[in-house]
Amino acid sequence: MTFKTYSFNKFQYRSLCEQSFLSFIKPLGKRHKDFMIDVLWLILSIQGKINFLQFARYGKHSEQHYCN
């Protein structure tokens, strides 16, 4: 059994997230879209346990912002 491996850089992952995610969140504003894309990007990129502290560590917002 063989597995294909794909190598993407971070900009390709971001554009892939945007294309797939924006297809079903049309009514949201730009700030909400950007935030949701950042959260999706963090979920895909963080290894191990995913929580608000990890989001704050690797993301660009504070832990409280992600929690709210």
N, C-alpha and C. Protein backbone atom coordinates (compact mmCIF):
# COMPACT_ATOMS: atom_id res chain seq x y z
N MET A 1 0.84 -1.17 0.00
CA MET A 1 0.00 0.00 0.00
C MET A 1 0.90 1.24 0.00
N THR A 2 0.60 2.16 -0.88
CA THR A 2 1.40 3.38 -0.95
C THR A 2 0.54 4.58 -0.58
N PHE A 3 1.18 5.55 0.02
CA PHE A 3 0.50 6.77 0.40
C PHE A 3 1.13 7.93 -0.33
N LYS A 4 0.30 8.82 -0.79
CA LYS A 4 0.81 10.04 -1.42
C LYS A 4 1.05 11.07 -0.33
N THR A 5 2.16 11.75 -0.42
CA THR A 5 2.40 12.85 0.50
C THR A 5 2.36 14.14 -0.30
N TYR A 6 1.75 15.11 0.28
CA TYR A 6 1.64 16.41 -0.37
C TYR A 6 2.45 17.42 0.42
N SER A 7 3.19 18.22 -0.28
CA SER A 7 3.94 19.26 0.40
C SER A 7 3.35 20.61 0.02
N PHE A 8 2.88 21.31 1.02
CA PHE A 8 2.30 22.63 0.84
C PHE A 8 3.08 23.61 1.70
N ASN A 9 3.17 24.82 1.24
CA ASN A 9 3.70 25.84 2.13
C ASN A 9 2.53 26.50 2.85
N LYS A 10 2.82 27.40 3.80
CA LYS A 10 1.75 27.95 4.62
C LYS A 10 0.77 28.80 3.83
N PHE A 11 1.21 29.42 2.75
CA PHE A 11 0.31 30.24 1.96
C PHE A 11 -0.66 29.37 1.15
N GLN A 12 -0.21 28.21 0.73
CA GLN A 12 -1.09 27.30 0.01
C GLN A 12 -2.15 26.73 0.96
N TYR A 13 -1.77 26.42 2.20
CA TYR A 13 -2.74 25.96 3.18
C TYR A 13 -3.77 27.04 3.47
N ARG A 14 -3.30 28.28 3.61
CA ARG A 14 -4.22 29.38 3.91
C ARG A 14 -5.20 29.58 2.77
N SER A 15 -4.73 29.55 1.53
CA SER A 15 -5.64 29.73 0.40
C SER A 15 -6.60 28.54 0.28
N LEU A 16 -6.13 27.34 0.60
CA LEU A 16 -7.00 26.17 0.59
C LEU A 16 -8.09 26.31 1.65
N CYS A 17 -7.71 26.78 2.84
CA CYS A 17 -8.69 27.02 3.90
C CYS A 17 -9.69 28.07 3.48
N GLU A 18 -9.20 29.15 2.89
CA GLU A 18 -10.10 30.22 2.47
C GLU A 18 -11.09 29.73 1.43
N GLN A 19 -10.62 28.99 0.44
CA GLN A 19 -11.50 28.52 -0.62
C GLN A 19 -12.56 27.58 -0.08
N SER A 20 -12.18 26.65 0.78
CA SER A 20 -13.15 25.68 1.28
C SER A 20 -14.08 26.30 2.31
N PHE A 21 -13.55 27.18 3.14
CA PHE A 21 -14.34 27.74 4.22
C PHE A 21 -15.25 28.86 3.75
N LEU A 22 -14.76 29.70 2.87
CA LEU A 22 -15.55 30.84 2.42
C LEU A 22 -16.72 30.43 1.53
N SER A 23 -16.70 29.21 1.05
CA SER A 23 -17.79 28.77 0.19
C SER A 23 -19.11 28.65 0.95
N PHE A 24 -19.06 28.48 2.29
CA PHE A 24 -20.32 28.35 3.02
C PHE A 24 -20.49 29.38 4.15
N ILE A 25 -19.65 30.42 4.19
CA ILE A 25 -19.85 31.47 5.20
C ILE A 25 -19.99 32.84 4.53
N LYS A 26 -20.71 32.90 3.48
CA LYS A 26 -20.89 34.15 2.73
C LYS A 26 -21.44 35.31 3.57
N PRO A 27 -22.42 35.11 4.48
CA PRO A 27 -23.03 36.26 5.14
C PRO A 27 -22.16 36.93 6.22
N LEU A 28 -21.01 36.35 6.58
CA LEU A 28 -20.18 36.94 7.61
C LEU A 28 -19.38 38.13 7.08
N GLY A 29 -19.03 39.04 7.98
CA GLY A 29 -18.22 40.19 7.61
C GLY A 29 -16.75 39.81 7.48
N LYS A 30 -15.94 40.76 7.02
CA LYS A 30 -14.52 40.49 6.77
C LYS A 30 -13.77 40.12 8.04
N ARG A 31 -14.04 40.83 9.15
CA ARG A 31 -13.34 40.54 10.40
C ARG A 31 -13.65 39.13 10.90
N HIS A 32 -14.91 38.72 10.80
CA HIS A 32 -15.28 37.38 11.23
C HIS A 32 -14.69 36.32 10.31
N LYS A 33 -14.69 36.59 9.02
CA LYS A 33 -14.10 35.63 8.08
C LYS A 33 -12.63 35.45 8.36
N ASP A 34 -11.90 36.56 8.56
CA ASP A 34 -10.47 36.47 8.84
C ASP A 34 -10.20 35.72 10.13
N PHE A 35 -11.01 35.97 11.15
CA PHE A 35 -10.84 35.28 12.42
C PHE A 35 -11.09 33.78 12.27
N MET A 36 -12.16 33.41 11.58
CA MET A 36 -12.49 32.00 11.40
C MET A 36 -11.43 31.28 10.57
N ILE A 37 -10.88 31.96 9.59
CA ILE A 37 -9.81 31.36 8.79
C ILE A 37 -8.56 31.16 9.64
N ASP A 38 -8.26 32.14 10.50
CA ASP A 38 -7.12 31.99 11.41
C ASP A 38 -7.31 30.81 12.36
N VAL A 39 -8.51 30.66 12.89
CA VAL A 39 -8.79 29.54 13.80
C VAL A 39 -8.67 28.21 13.06
N LEU A 40 -9.21 28.14 11.87
CA LEU A 40 -9.10 26.91 11.08
C LEU A 40 -7.64 26.60 10.77
N TRP A 41 -6.87 27.63 10.44
CA TRP A 41 -5.44 27.46 10.16
C TRP A 41 -4.72 26.94 11.40
N LEU A 42 -5.05 27.48 12.57
CA LEU A 42 -4.42 27.03 13.81
C LEU A 42 -4.78 25.59 14.12
N ILE A 43 -6.02 25.22 13.90
CA ILE A 43 -6.44 23.83 14.16
C ILE A 43 -5.66 22.87 13.27
N LEU A 44 -5.44 23.25 12.03
CA LEU A 44 -4.70 22.38 11.12
C LEU A 44 -3.21 22.35 11.41
N SER A 45 -2.67 23.41 12.00
CA SER A 45 -1.22 23.48 12.14
C SER A 45 -0.69 23.10 13.52
N ILE A 46 -1.52 23.15 14.56
CA ILE A 46 -1.05 22.83 15.91
C ILE A 46 -1.02 21.32 16.08
N GLN A 47 0.12 20.84 16.56
CA GLN A 47 0.26 19.42 16.85
C GLN A 47 -0.03 19.19 18.32
N GLY A 48 -0.68 18.12 18.65
CA GLY A 48 -0.98 17.81 20.04
C GLY A 48 -2.30 18.39 20.48
N LYS A 49 -2.34 18.73 21.76
CA LYS A 49 -3.57 19.22 22.37
C LYS A 49 -3.92 20.60 21.83
N ILE A 50 -5.18 20.77 21.46
CA ILE A 50 -5.64 22.05 20.91
C ILE A 50 -6.56 22.69 21.93
N ASN A 51 -6.15 23.85 22.45
CA ASN A 51 -6.98 24.60 23.39
C ASN A 51 -6.71 26.08 23.17
N PHE A 52 -7.39 26.93 23.98
CA PHE A 52 -7.27 28.37 23.78
C PHE A 52 -5.85 28.87 24.08
N LEU A 53 -5.17 28.23 25.03
CA LEU A 53 -3.80 28.63 25.33
C LEU A 53 -2.89 28.36 24.14
N GLN A 54 -3.08 27.23 23.48
CA GLN A 54 -2.30 26.93 22.27
C GLN A 54 -2.64 27.91 21.15
N PHE A 55 -3.91 28.25 21.02
CA PHE A 55 -4.28 29.25 20.02
C PHE A 55 -3.56 30.56 20.27
N ALA A 56 -3.51 30.99 21.53
CA ALA A 56 -2.85 32.25 21.87
C ALA A 56 -1.34 32.15 21.63
N ARG A 57 -0.77 31.00 21.89
CA ARG A 57 0.66 30.83 21.71
C ARG A 57 1.06 30.91 20.24
N TYR A 58 0.29 30.27 19.37
CA TYR A 58 0.65 30.21 17.95
C TYR A 58 -0.10 31.23 17.09
N GLY A 59 -1.18 31.78 17.60
CA GLY A 59 -1.97 32.74 16.83
C GLY A 59 -1.56 34.17 17.09
N LYS A 60 -2.38 35.08 16.60
CA LYS A 60 -2.05 36.49 16.74
C LYS A 60 -2.97 37.23 17.71
N HIS A 61 -3.82 36.51 18.41
CA HIS A 61 -4.73 37.12 19.39
C HIS A 61 -4.43 36.54 20.77
N SER A 62 -5.05 37.13 21.79
CA SER A 62 -4.86 36.66 23.15
C SER A 62 -5.75 35.44 23.43
N GLU A 63 -5.47 34.77 24.54
CA GLU A 63 -6.25 33.60 24.92
C GLU A 63 -7.71 34.00 25.17
N GLN A 64 -7.91 35.15 25.79
CA GLN A 64 -9.26 35.63 26.10
C GLN A 64 -10.05 35.90 24.82
N HIS A 65 -9.38 36.40 23.79
CA HIS A 65 -10.06 36.68 22.52
C HIS A 65 -10.57 35.37 21.90
N TYR A 66 -9.76 34.35 21.91
CA TYR A 66 -10.19 33.06 21.35
C TYR A 66 -11.29 32.44 22.20
N CYS A 67 -11.19 32.62 23.51
CA CYS A 67 -12.19 32.05 24.42
C CYS A 67 -13.56 32.70 24.22
N ASN A 68 -13.56 34.02 24.01
CA ASN A 68 -14.83 34.71 23.79
C ASN A 68 -15.41 34.33 22.45
